[in-house]
Protein backbone atom coordinates (compact mmCIF):
# COMPACT_ATOMS: atom_id res chain seq x y z
CA MET A 1 -42.84 40.83 25.34
CA LYS A 2 -45.68 38.81 24.86
CA LYS A 3 -46.09 37.06 27.89
CA SER A 4 -49.52 37.11 29.19
CA LEU A 5 -49.78 39.50 32.06
CA PHE A 6 -48.16 42.13 29.61
CA ILE A 7 -50.27 41.41 26.76
CA PHE A 8 -53.22 42.01 29.05
CA LEU A 9 -52.11 45.09 30.43
CA VAL A 10 -51.44 46.48 27.06
CA LEU A 11 -55.05 45.39 25.95
CA LEU A 12 -56.50 47.42 29.12
CA THR A 13 -54.69 50.56 27.75
CA ILE A 14 -56.41 50.65 24.15
CA SER A 15 -59.65 50.81 24.77
CA HIS A 16 -60.31 53.48 22.62
CA ALA A 17 -59.32 51.34 19.44
CA SER A 18 -61.92 49.14 17.62
CA ILE A 19 -61.12 46.06 15.28
CA ALA A 20 -63.65 43.82 13.84
CA SER A 21 -63.59 40.53 15.18
CA ASN A 22 -65.51 38.45 12.27
CA TRP A 23 -62.69 36.59 10.49
CA ASN A 24 -65.16 36.84 6.96
CA SER A 25 -66.16 40.55 7.75
CA GLY A 26 -63.54 41.93 5.45
CA SER A 27 -62.58 44.84 7.87
CA THR A 28 -60.01 47.02 6.79
CA SER A 29 -60.70 49.94 9.30
CA ILE A 30 -57.31 51.63 10.28
CA ILE A 31 -57.22 52.39 14.16
CA ALA A 32 -56.95 56.22 14.35
CA GLN A 33 -54.13 58.06 15.19
CA GLN A 34 -53.72 59.77 18.18
CA ASP A 35 -54.16 63.72 17.50
CA PRO A 36 -52.90 63.32 13.38
CA GLY A 37 -51.43 66.40 12.82
CA GLY A 38 -50.07 67.44 16.04
CA PRO A 39 -46.37 67.28 17.31
CA ALA A 40 -44.42 64.28 18.21
CA THR A 41 -44.63 62.66 21.49
CA ASN A 42 -41.55 61.20 23.01
CA TYR A 43 -43.06 58.11 25.55
CA ARG A 44 -39.58 57.79 27.22
CA THR A 45 -39.27 59.35 30.12
CA ASP A 46 -35.80 58.32 31.08
CA GLY A 47 -33.83 60.40 28.63
CA GLY A 48 -32.78 57.65 26.24
CA ILE A 49 -33.07 57.24 22.83
CA PRO A 50 -36.92 56.80 21.94
CA ALA A 51 -36.32 53.81 19.38
CA GLU A 52 -39.35 51.70 19.79
CA ILE A 53 -43.32 53.08 19.97
CA PRO A 54 -45.06 51.23 23.12
CA GLU A 55 -47.66 48.71 22.07
CA ASN A 56 -50.53 50.43 23.21
CA ALA A 57 -49.67 53.94 21.44
CA ARG A 58 -51.75 55.23 18.20
CA PRO A 59 -48.60 57.77 16.99
CA ASN A 60 -49.42 60.69 14.66
CA ASP A 61 -47.14 61.19 11.88
CA ALA A 62 -44.34 63.28 13.77
CA THR A 63 -44.19 60.81 16.89
CA ILE A 64 -43.33 57.62 13.88
CA SER A 65 -41.04 60.17 12.63
CA LEU A 66 -39.42 60.87 15.67
CA TYR A 67 -38.81 57.19 16.31
CA GLU A 68 -37.93 56.35 12.83
CA ASP A 69 -34.84 59.12 13.42
CA GLY A 70 -34.11 57.31 16.76
CA ARG A 71 -33.77 53.97 15.40
CA ARG A 72 -31.16 55.13 13.25
CA GLU A 73 -29.57 56.62 15.93
CA PHE A 74 -29.56 54.13 17.91
CA PHE A 75 -28.05 52.18 15.36
CA SER A 76 -24.99 54.52 14.97
CA VAL A 77 -24.76 54.56 18.81
CA TRP A 78 -24.64 50.85 19.40
CA LYS A 79 -21.92 50.18 16.29
CA SER A 80 -19.79 52.79 17.49
CA ARG A 81 -19.85 51.44 20.74
CA GLY A 82 -18.99 48.37 19.72
CA ASN A 83 -22.39 46.75 20.37
CA LEU A 84 -23.22 45.35 16.77
CA TYR A 85 -22.24 42.27 14.98
CA THR A 86 -22.59 43.04 11.37
CA ILE A 87 -22.38 40.46 8.41
CA GLU A 88 -21.49 41.68 5.14
CA PRO A 89 -23.58 41.38 1.92
CA LYS A 90 -21.20 39.53 -0.81
CA GLY A 91 -22.77 41.20 -3.81
CA ASN A 92 -24.40 38.37 -5.01
CA ALA A 93 -28.04 39.22 -4.02
CA GLU A 94 -30.72 37.99 -6.30
CA GLN A 95 -32.98 41.12 -7.38
CA PHE A 96 -36.63 39.99 -7.02
CA LYS A 97 -38.52 39.58 -10.56
CA HIS A 98 -41.16 42.41 -9.73
CA SER A 99 -44.64 43.02 -11.41
CA GLN A 100 -46.54 46.11 -11.56
CA ASN A 101 -48.20 46.73 -8.12
CA LEU A 102 -51.44 44.65 -7.50
CA ASN A 103 -54.40 46.70 -7.16
CA SER A 104 -55.19 47.31 -3.42
CA GLU A 105 -57.15 50.58 -2.29
CA THR A 106 -56.97 49.51 0.94
CA LEU A 107 -53.01 48.76 1.04
CA LYS A 108 -52.80 52.24 -0.29
CA ARG A 109 -54.88 53.99 2.63
CA GLN A 110 -52.74 52.23 4.99
CA LEU A 111 -49.03 53.14 3.80
CA SER A 112 -50.27 56.63 3.39
CA LYS A 113 -51.95 57.03 6.71
CA GLY A 114 -51.62 53.93 8.76
CA TYR A 115 -49.05 52.28 10.71
CA ILE A 116 -47.45 49.98 8.04
CA LEU A 117 -43.92 50.90 6.97
CA SER A 118 -43.14 48.37 4.48
CA TYR A 119 -45.52 45.42 2.88
CA LEU A 120 -44.16 43.34 0.75
CA PHE A 121 -46.25 40.14 -1.12
CA TYR A 122 -44.43 37.75 -2.70
CA ASP A 123 -46.19 35.05 -4.83
CA ASN A 124 -44.58 32.47 -6.91
CA GLY A 125 -41.51 33.64 -7.72
CA GLU A 126 -42.81 37.10 -8.12
CA LEU A 127 -43.10 40.21 -5.93
CA LYS A 128 -46.45 41.33 -6.77
CA TYR A 129 -46.70 44.26 -4.11
CA ASP A 130 -43.89 46.08 -2.93
CA GLY A 131 -45.19 49.07 -0.71
CA LEU A 132 -43.85 51.87 1.36
CA PRO A 133 -45.09 55.06 2.74
CA GLN A 134 -45.12 57.95 0.10
CA ALA A 135 -42.24 60.12 0.10
CA GLY A 136 -42.38 63.22 2.12
CA ARG A 137 -44.56 61.36 4.99
CA PHE A 138 -41.69 61.09 7.47
CA SER A 139 -38.78 63.72 8.05
CA GLN A 140 -37.20 60.74 6.41
CA ASP A 141 -38.15 58.46 3.20
CA ILE A 142 -38.06 54.87 4.28
CA ASP A 143 -36.44 52.83 1.20
CA ASP A 144 -34.54 49.67 0.33
CA GLU A 145 -31.78 50.57 2.84
CA THR A 146 -33.65 51.21 5.63
CA LEU A 147 -32.74 49.12 8.75
CA PHE A 148 -35.79 47.69 10.79
CA TYR A 149 -35.56 45.58 14.30
CA THR A 150 -36.54 42.25 13.75
CA HIS A 151 -37.60 41.96 17.25
CA SER A 152 -38.74 38.33 17.73
CA THR A 153 -39.18 37.50 13.99
CA GLY A 154 -35.03 37.45 14.82
CA LYS A 155 -35.95 34.22 17.21
CA SER A 156 -37.05 32.52 13.84
CA ILE A 157 -33.77 33.38 12.24
CA ILE A 158 -31.66 31.79 15.14
CA SER A 159 -33.46 28.77 14.51
CA TYR A 160 -32.83 28.76 11.04
CA ILE A 161 -29.25 29.34 12.07
CA THR A 162 -29.53 26.51 14.17
CA GLY A 163 -30.44 24.16 11.36
CA HIS A 164 -27.26 25.48 9.43
CA ALA A 165 -25.49 24.58 12.47
CA ILE A 166 -26.82 20.80 12.65
CA CYS A 167 -26.18 20.36 9.04
CA GLU A 168 -22.69 21.71 9.27
CA GLY A 169 -21.82 18.92 12.03
CA PHE A 170 -21.03 21.93 14.74
CA ILE A 171 -24.33 20.15 16.62
CA ASP A 172 -25.63 16.55 16.22
CA SER A 173 -29.27 16.81 16.10
CA ILE A 174 -32.19 19.04 17.53
CA ASN A 175 -32.26 16.11 20.20
CA HIS A 176 -28.28 17.33 21.25
CA ASN A 177 -28.21 17.63 24.78
CA ILE A 178 -26.78 21.02 25.74
CA ASP A 179 -22.73 20.73 26.83
CA TRP A 180 -21.46 24.05 27.36
CA PRO A 181 -18.89 25.03 30.25
CA LEU A 182 -19.93 28.38 30.57
CA MET A 183 -23.65 26.98 31.49
CA GLN A 184 -22.70 24.15 33.36
CA GLU A 185 -23.99 25.12 36.72
CA THR A 186 -27.31 26.24 35.82
CA LEU A 187 -30.76 24.55 34.39
CA TYR A 188 -29.66 24.36 30.81
CA GLN A 189 -26.86 22.10 30.89
CA GLY A 190 -28.02 18.88 29.55
CA GLN A 191 -31.08 20.10 28.52
CA PRO A 192 -32.09 18.77 24.77
CA LEU A 193 -31.81 21.68 22.34
CA ILE A 194 -35.35 20.97 20.89
CA ASP A 195 -36.67 21.85 24.76
CA LEU A 196 -34.92 25.32 24.41
CA LEU A 197 -36.17 25.57 20.99
CA ASN A 198 -39.47 25.26 21.96
CA MET A 199 -39.43 27.40 24.81
CA ARG A 200 -39.91 24.20 27.10
CA ALA A 201 -36.51 24.42 29.51
CA GLY A 202 -38.74 25.29 32.63
CA ASP A 203 -36.92 28.41 33.39
CA LYS A 204 -40.17 30.43 34.05
CA HIS A 205 -38.75 31.09 37.34
CA THR A 206 -35.35 32.50 36.16
CA VAL A 207 -36.97 35.25 34.39
CA ASP A 208 -38.98 38.16 35.53
CA GLU A 209 -42.41 38.71 34.20
CA ARG A 210 -41.76 41.13 31.48
CA ALA A 211 -39.89 38.09 30.21
CA SER A 212 -36.65 40.58 29.28
CA ARG A 213 -34.52 40.41 32.72
CA VAL A 214 -32.71 37.42 34.53
CA MET A 215 -33.56 36.94 38.08
CA GLY A 216 -31.55 38.81 40.58
CA SER A 217 -30.60 41.56 38.01
CA LYS A 218 -32.13 44.89 37.59
CA ASN A 219 -30.73 45.39 34.07
CA HIS A 220 -32.59 44.26 30.71
CA HIS A 221 -30.72 40.90 29.64
CA ARG A 222 -28.54 42.50 26.86
CA ASP A 223 -27.39 45.35 29.36
CA ILE A 224 -25.14 42.02 30.73
CA ASP A 225 -23.51 38.99 29.06
CA HIS A 226 -23.51 35.87 29.48
CA ILE A 227 -20.97 35.39 31.75
CA SER A 228 -22.98 37.42 34.10
CA ILE A 229 -26.48 35.40 33.34
CA SER A 230 -24.43 32.41 34.31
CA GLU A 231 -23.41 33.78 37.68
CA LEU A 232 -27.22 34.72 38.00
CA LEU A 233 -28.15 31.35 36.93
CA ARG A 234 -25.45 29.55 38.98
CA GLY A 235 -27.14 26.46 40.77
CA THR A 236 -30.74 26.81 39.30
CA GLU A 237 -32.51 23.43 38.43
CA ARG A 238 -35.27 23.00 35.55
CA LYS A 239 -38.63 23.12 36.90
CA GLY A 240 -41.02 21.28 34.36
CA ASN A 241 -41.53 21.61 30.82
CA ASP A 242 -44.45 23.86 29.94
CA LEU A 243 -44.32 26.62 27.43
CA PHE A 244 -42.74 29.57 28.53
CA TYR A 245 -42.16 32.17 26.03
CA ASN A 246 -39.63 35.02 27.02
CA ASN A 247 -36.27 36.91 25.30
CA VAL A 248 -33.70 35.66 27.17
CA LEU A 249 -33.75 31.93 26.18
CA THR A 250 -33.91 32.86 22.20
CA ASP A 251 -30.23 34.89 23.09
CA ILE A 252 -28.99 31.73 24.76
CA ILE A 253 -29.79 29.61 21.89
CA ALA A 254 -27.61 32.62 20.03
CA SER A 255 -24.57 32.27 22.52
CA TYR A 256 -24.66 28.29 22.46
CA ILE A 257 -24.49 28.24 18.33
CA ALA A 258 -21.54 30.52 18.85
CA PHE A 259 -19.91 28.34 21.11
CA ARG A 260 -20.46 25.38 19.10
CA ALA A 261 -19.08 27.02 15.86
CA GLY A 262 -16.01 28.35 17.81
CA ASP A 263 -13.65 29.57 15.12
CA ASN A 264 -16.07 28.81 12.27
CA TYR A 265 -18.87 31.05 13.51
CA THR A 266 -18.46 33.86 11.65
CA GLN A 267 -17.70 31.52 8.42
CA LEU A 268 -21.06 29.89 9.50
CA LEU A 269 -23.04 33.28 9.29
CA ASP A 270 -21.33 34.25 6.27
CA ARG A 271 -22.58 30.67 4.84
CA VAL A 272 -25.88 31.31 5.88
CA PHE A 273 -26.38 35.29 5.09
CA GLN A 274 -24.19 35.40 2.28
CA ASP A 275 -24.18 32.49 0.17
CA LYS A 276 -27.75 30.92 1.21
CA ILE A 277 -30.01 34.18 1.67
CA LYS A 278 -27.67 36.53 -0.43
CA ILE A 279 -28.26 39.34 1.24
CA GLN A 280 -27.80 42.99 -0.32
CA ASN A 281 -27.35 45.11 2.68
CA GLN A 282 -25.37 44.59 5.68
CA VAL A 283 -27.40 42.60 8.19
CA HIS A 284 -26.43 43.57 12.43
CA PHE A 285 -27.27 41.64 15.20
CA GLU A 286 -27.39 43.47 18.95
CA LEU A 287 -24.79 42.13 21.26
CA HIS A 288 -24.93 41.72 24.68
CA ARG A 289 -22.72 44.26 26.85
CA GLN A 290 -19.35 42.98 28.53
CA THR A 291 -19.70 42.94 31.72
CA GLY A 292 -18.40 39.89 33.31
CA PRO A 293 -14.93 40.09 34.81
CA LYS A 294 -11.96 40.47 31.90
CA THR A 295 -10.23 37.62 33.83
CA HIS A 296 -12.47 35.23 32.10
CA ALA A 297 -11.36 33.27 29.75
CA GLU A 298 -14.61 33.47 27.59
CA TYR A 299 -14.65 37.52 27.82
CA GLY A 300 -15.61 39.61 24.92
CA LYS A 301 -16.23 36.33 23.15
CA LEU A 302 -19.47 36.05 21.05
CA GLN A 303 -20.53 32.75 22.68
CA THR A 304 -20.76 35.58 25.65
CA ARG A 305 -22.48 38.46 23.41
CA ALA A 306 -24.92 37.22 20.81
CA SER A 307 -28.59 37.69 20.67
CA TYR A 308 -31.41 37.41 18.20
CA SER A 309 -31.94 41.05 17.67
CA PHE A 310 -31.38 41.76 14.23
CA MET A 311 -31.58 44.82 12.30
CA ILE A 312 -32.35 44.36 8.42
CA THR A 313 -33.68 45.67 5.56
CA ARG A 314 -37.15 44.95 4.21
CA LYS A 315 -36.12 43.50 1.37
CA ASP A 316 -33.09 40.99 2.76
CA LEU A 317 -36.22 39.86 5.22
CA LEU A 318 -37.96 38.77 2.72
CA ARG A 319 -34.70 37.19 1.39
CA VAL A 320 -34.47 35.49 4.17
CA ALA A 321 -38.44 34.15 3.97
CA VAL A 322 -37.66 32.95 0.59
CA ALA A 323 -34.30 30.95 1.75
CA MET A 324 -36.24 29.02 4.16
CA MET A 325 -39.18 28.50 1.78
CA GLN A 326 -36.62 27.16 -0.77
CA ASP A 327 -35.00 24.49 1.87
CA TYR A 328 -38.51 23.62 2.82
CA GLN A 329 -39.26 22.80 -1.07
CA ALA A 330 -36.21 21.32 -1.80
CA HIS A 331 -35.66 19.02 1.11
CA THR A 332 -32.60 20.09 1.80
CA CYS A 333 -31.06 19.31 4.92
CA VAL A 334 -32.02 22.64 6.35
CA GLY A 335 -35.33 22.13 4.61
CA LYS A 336 -35.46 18.56 6.84
CA TYR A 337 -34.69 20.45 10.07
CA LEU A 338 -37.50 23.03 9.36
CA ARG A 339 -39.95 20.02 8.63
CA THR A 340 -38.60 17.91 11.94
CA VAL A 341 -39.81 21.09 14.17
CA GLN A 342 -42.61 21.55 12.08
CA ALA A 343 -43.90 18.04 13.05
CA GLN A 344 -42.65 18.52 16.79
CA ALA A 345 -44.24 21.73 17.58
CA LYS A 346 -46.84 21.73 20.23
CA LYS A 347 -50.09 23.58 21.42
CA TRP A 348 -49.78 27.31 21.42
CA PRO A 349 -51.60 28.73 24.61
CA LYS A 350 -52.77 31.91 23.26
CA TYR A 351 -54.95 30.39 20.32
CA ARG A 352 -57.60 32.62 20.92
CA PRO A 353 -59.08 34.09 17.04
CA SER A 354 -62.35 35.06 18.04
CA GLY A 355 -61.61 37.73 20.66
CA GLU A 356 -62.45 41.22 20.12
CA ARG A 357 -58.69 42.47 19.26
CA SER A 358 -56.98 39.27 18.20
CA SER A 359 -56.40 40.63 15.08
CA LEU A 360 -54.04 42.99 16.67
CA TRP A 361 -51.32 40.11 17.07
CA MET A 362 -51.01 37.39 14.47
CA HIS A 363 -50.13 34.85 17.09
CA ASN A 364 -53.70 34.82 18.21
CA TYR A 365 -54.36 32.73 15.11
CA ALA A 366 -51.88 30.16 15.66
CA LYS A 367 -52.38 26.87 16.95
CA LYS A 368 -48.75 25.46 17.84
CA TYR A 369 -45.86 26.66 18.46
CA GLY A 370 -41.98 24.99 17.67
CA ALA A 371 -38.45 26.06 17.38
CA GLN A 372 -39.42 29.57 17.38
CA PHE A 373 -41.98 29.36 14.82
CA TYR A 374 -45.66 29.62 14.65
CA PHE A 375 -47.97 26.92 12.87
CA ASP A 376 -51.33 25.23 12.17
CA PHE A 377 -53.34 28.74 11.50
CA HIS A 378 -56.74 29.56 12.04
CA ARG A 379 -58.85 28.43 8.64
CA MET A 380 -55.78 27.00 7.02
CA LYS A 381 -56.10 23.50 8.41
CA ASP A 382 -53.38 21.03 6.84
CA ARG A 383 -51.50 23.57 5.17
CA ASN A 384 -48.14 24.02 5.66
CA ILE A 385 -47.30 27.52 6.96
CA PHE A 386 -44.91 29.17 9.21
CA GLY A 387 -45.08 32.13 11.11
CA THR A 388 -42.89 34.91 12.86
CA GLU A 389 -44.18 37.73 14.47
CA GLY A 390 -41.78 40.71 15.88
CA TYR A 391 -42.97 43.49 18.33
CA ASN A 392 -45.15 46.39 16.57
CA GLY A 393 -45.95 44.16 13.41
CA GLN A 394 -42.30 42.68 12.16
CA ASN A 395 -43.55 39.75 10.55
CA MET A 396 -43.10 37.15 8.05
CA LEU A 397 -45.64 34.59 7.17
CA ILE A 398 -44.65 31.68 4.72
CA ASP A 399 -47.00 29.44 2.74
CA MET A 400 -44.57 26.48 1.84
CA ASP A 401 -47.20 24.90 -0.52
CA ASN A 402 -47.94 27.84 -2.65
CA SER A 403 -44.87 29.67 -2.57
CA ARG A 404 -46.35 32.54 -1.17
CA ILE A 405 -45.12 34.95 1.29
CA VAL A 406 -46.18 38.49 3.19
CA VAL A 407 -43.50 40.50 5.36
CA THR A 408 -44.20 43.45 6.89
CA GLN A 409 -42.39 46.21 9.04
CA SER A 410 -44.96 48.63 10.96
CA ALA A 411 -44.57 51.26 13.99
CA ALA A 412 -47.10 50.58 15.93
CA THR A 413 -49.73 47.53 17.05
CA ALA A 414 -52.67 48.85 15.26
CA TRP A 415 -53.29 47.06 12.12
CA ASP A 416 -55.71 44.27 11.24
CA GLN A 417 -53.40 41.21 10.99
CA ARG A 418 -55.93 39.27 9.02
CA THR A 419 -56.65 41.86 6.62
CA TYR A 420 -53.57 42.35 5.49
CA VAL A 421 -51.59 39.20 6.51
CA LEU A 422 -53.67 36.22 7.16
CA ASN A 423 -56.32 36.63 4.52
CA VAL A 424 -53.39 37.35 2.14
CA ILE A 425 -51.59 34.19 2.37
CA LYS A 426 -55.22 32.17 3.17
CA ASP A 427 -56.32 33.39 -0.29
CA GLY A 428 -53.46 34.61 -2.43
CA LYS A 429 -55.19 37.76 -2.75
CA LEU A 430 -54.87 41.30 -1.55
CA PRO A 431 -57.47 43.25 0.11
CA LYS A 432 -59.37 45.51 -2.15
């Protein structure tokens, strides 16, 4: 959803929004809600479940409630239809050491009438700010059991799982050439895995301009399985190696990991989420609908249905970030994977830290991108910082050097990423 044309159109629609662009200005302005006390607005016109607010919207609390309720309904419906894969907790979750929240009037205001729905600041082994909207603000309170979409932050989770798949021997290395019967006659066969991870697979001509539909299909790519996608891609060839950020490719990586792990895929995910991350609540990911012919040998298998679209609770997402950080710092096998892909990250073309509305998106401050992570952030040169960014502000920023993490979930793209995320990691201090 972050392809250039789409972002350009989004920016044109939010001319009423205003954010200061000076990095050091300390601006903490909250973009005003539209009709703060008014009725809920349903932006969907197709009768579907209202589960994700458009990026150009500035919703009031009633609208946020409508979409929060819609997201819960989406989870319930998709689970009942068999379209979610669930990873159960093992009961070994480690509780965070928690001090009294640091004082931040800016964060208090944001959580009382802004768009951030969860704010976690972890610093050197301690949770120093654990922020939620006040009870009663929405139709249902947000708490530690509320499931959030990861959106594109899930891409980074797939990369982390890939590191485990390599370390457990299911894949040789990041330079492993894709060898997958399902995609044998497509542009992906024979490509090095690192090119897929880096979004440099030469597949721009196979995906539509909004990066979520495969050529020849009118459906969202998750509304068809990878059997159907492989048929649509039959005969395609790679064209160049320019970066093309898209959503289809990471689902292909996710399903390729399922193929390589085979019957051990469930155990692989359990080892990642239960034994390494030590989740406290269920984690789910959305499955592709089954659309290929039932006679196909792979019909219904996870290698045809896996995705990066996770549903996870706020503190379990923080646990993901902590696990990544600990692997990196301990130079474990997976930590070496993270260091290797960091070293091979390449120029990110959307670096624009001084734009008028750059602070709406974290990726505007990254100079490099690699293996589904953002690196080399503005005014943090030579620091080992990993960034993830999901639609409407589902983000992680991890400072590997200083053991500092910020994790956010939010309802809308309408708050200053510098103030609440980047500056906090840079300086180790919350906004006043």
